[in-house]
């Protein structure tokens, strides 16, 4: 089954106040709650566009595929790329690094941003 994983993406990006983040994008408090708790039946494309723009991601980054016995897919099916991968929040990982390692990470990120 296809579902949104906006909460997971926000956590991976280190965004600690997801409701506030979505509301800053012009999404109402009620809609933000529905999106973050997967209680929505549909999401407006304008909202997905704003979220993707703010997070610098593609819409496919916001969706996950949860295997469903009624809709099985193989590993070669295009939807298999959307299977949930555990991505620990970067902020938590950075806290465990030494200052030298943080410096190396910063240099690496600078190089990535130049590409």
Protein backbone atom coordinates (compact mmCIF):
# COMPACT_ATOMS: atom_id res chain seq x y z
CA UNK A 1 0.00 0.00 0.00
CA UNK A 2 1.29 3.43 -0.91
CA UNK A 3 1.39 6.00 1.89
CA UNK A 4 3.01 9.28 2.80
CA UNK A 5 6.09 9.28 4.99
CA UNK A 6 6.42 13.01 5.54
CA UNK A 7 7.05 12.55 9.27
CA UNK A 8 9.95 10.22 8.52
CA UNK A 9 11.46 12.63 6.00
CA UNK A 10 11.14 15.56 8.41
CA UNK A 11 12.77 13.53 11.19
CA UNK A 12 15.60 12.46 8.86
CA UNK A 13 16.15 16.12 7.97
CA UNK A 14 16.33 17.01 11.67
CA UNK A 15 13.15 19.08 11.73
CA UNK A 16 12.03 18.98 15.33
CA UNK A 17 8.68 20.80 14.97
CA UNK A 18 6.92 19.18 12.01
CA UNK A 19 3.55 20.84 12.68
CA UNK A 20 5.15 24.29 12.81
CA UNK A 21 7.23 23.51 9.70
CA UNK A 22 4.12 22.59 7.69
CA UNK A 23 2.15 25.56 9.01
CA UNK A 24 4.98 27.91 7.93
CA UNK A 25 4.40 26.56 4.42
CA UNK A 26 0.79 27.74 4.56
CA UNK A 27 -0.75 24.39 5.48
CA UNK A 28 -3.47 24.66 8.12
CA UNK A 29 -2.96 23.16 11.58
CA UNK A 30 -5.74 20.62 10.93
CA UNK A 31 -4.34 19.53 7.56
CA UNK A 32 -0.81 19.34 9.00
CA UNK A 33 -2.10 17.05 11.75
CA UNK A 34 -3.85 14.80 9.22
CA UNK A 35 -0.75 14.63 7.00
CA UNK A 36 1.64 13.91 9.87
CA UNK A 37 -0.57 11.18 11.34
CA UNK A 38 -1.53 9.55 8.01
CA UNK A 39 -5.20 10.25 8.67
CA UNK A 40 -5.88 11.87 5.30
CA UNK A 41 -7.65 10.41 2.31
CA UNK A 42 -5.97 12.78 -0.13
CA UNK A 43 -3.28 15.45 -0.20
CA UNK A 44 -3.42 18.52 -2.37
CA UNK A 45 -0.70 18.76 -4.98
CA UNK A 46 -0.06 22.36 -3.95
CA UNK A 47 0.83 21.08 -0.46
CA UNK A 48 3.13 18.40 -1.87
CA UNK A 49 4.75 21.03 -4.08
CA UNK A 50 5.40 23.33 -1.12
CA UNK A 51 6.79 20.49 0.99
CA UNK A 52 9.06 19.25 -1.80
CA UNK A 53 10.31 22.77 -2.49
CA UNK A 54 11.08 23.44 1.19
CA UNK A 55 12.78 20.07 1.71
CA UNK A 56 14.55 20.09 -1.67
CA UNK A 57 13.19 16.66 -2.50
CA UNK A 58 11.06 14.91 -5.12
CA UNK A 59 7.49 13.74 -4.46
CA UNK A 60 8.69 10.12 -4.59
CA UNK A 61 10.88 10.88 -1.55
CA UNK A 62 7.72 11.52 0.48
CA UNK A 63 6.02 8.21 -0.30
CA UNK A 64 6.69 4.70 0.99
CA UNK A 65 5.39 1.34 -0.13
CA UNK A 66 4.27 -1.02 2.63
CA UNK A 67 3.96 -4.55 1.34
CA UNK A 68 0.35 -5.64 1.15
CA UNK A 69 -0.83 -9.24 0.82
CA UNK A 70 -3.51 -8.09 -1.63
CA UNK A 71 -1.01 -6.14 -3.76
CA UNK A 72 2.28 -8.04 -3.66
CA UNK A 73 5.21 -6.65 -5.62
CA UNK A 74 8.52 -8.17 -6.58
CA UNK A 75 11.93 -6.64 -5.95
CA UNK A 76 12.09 -5.69 -9.64
CA UNK A 77 8.81 -3.76 -9.56
CA UNK A 78 9.33 0.04 -9.72
CA UNK A 79 7.36 0.47 -6.47
CA UNK A 80 9.95 -1.63 -4.62
CA UNK A 81 12.20 1.46 -4.65
CA UNK A 82 9.68 3.07 -2.30
CA UNK A 83 9.93 0.38 0.38
CA UNK A 84 10.64 1.99 3.72
CA UNK A 85 14.28 2.24 4.66
CA UNK A 86 15.23 3.09 8.21
CA UNK A 87 17.06 6.40 8.07
CA UNK A 88 18.18 7.56 11.49
CA UNK A 89 17.88 11.30 12.08
CA UNK A 90 21.09 13.01 11.03
CA UNK A 91 21.09 15.42 13.98
CA UNK A 92 21.27 12.54 16.44
CA UNK A 93 24.13 10.96 14.56
CA UNK A 94 26.06 14.22 14.41
CA UNK A 95 25.81 14.67 18.19
CA UNK A 96 27.84 11.48 18.60
CA UNK A 97 30.73 12.68 16.41
CA UNK A 98 33.94 14.26 17.61
CA UNK A 99 34.69 17.85 16.54
CA UNK A 100 37.26 16.55 14.04
CA UNK A 101 34.63 14.25 12.52
CA UNK A 102 32.12 17.12 12.35
CA UNK A 103 34.72 19.15 10.47
CA UNK A 104 35.24 16.29 8.00
CA UNK A 105 31.46 16.00 7.60
CA UNK A 106 31.16 19.74 6.95
CA UNK A 107 33.83 19.53 4.24
CA UNK A 108 32.05 16.56 2.69
CA UNK A 109 28.73 18.44 2.73
CA UNK A 110 30.41 21.49 1.15
CA UNK A 111 31.66 19.26 -1.67
CA UNK A 112 28.17 17.75 -2.12
CA UNK A 113 26.55 21.19 -2.31
CA UNK A 114 28.99 22.24 -5.05
CA UNK A 115 27.82 19.38 -7.30
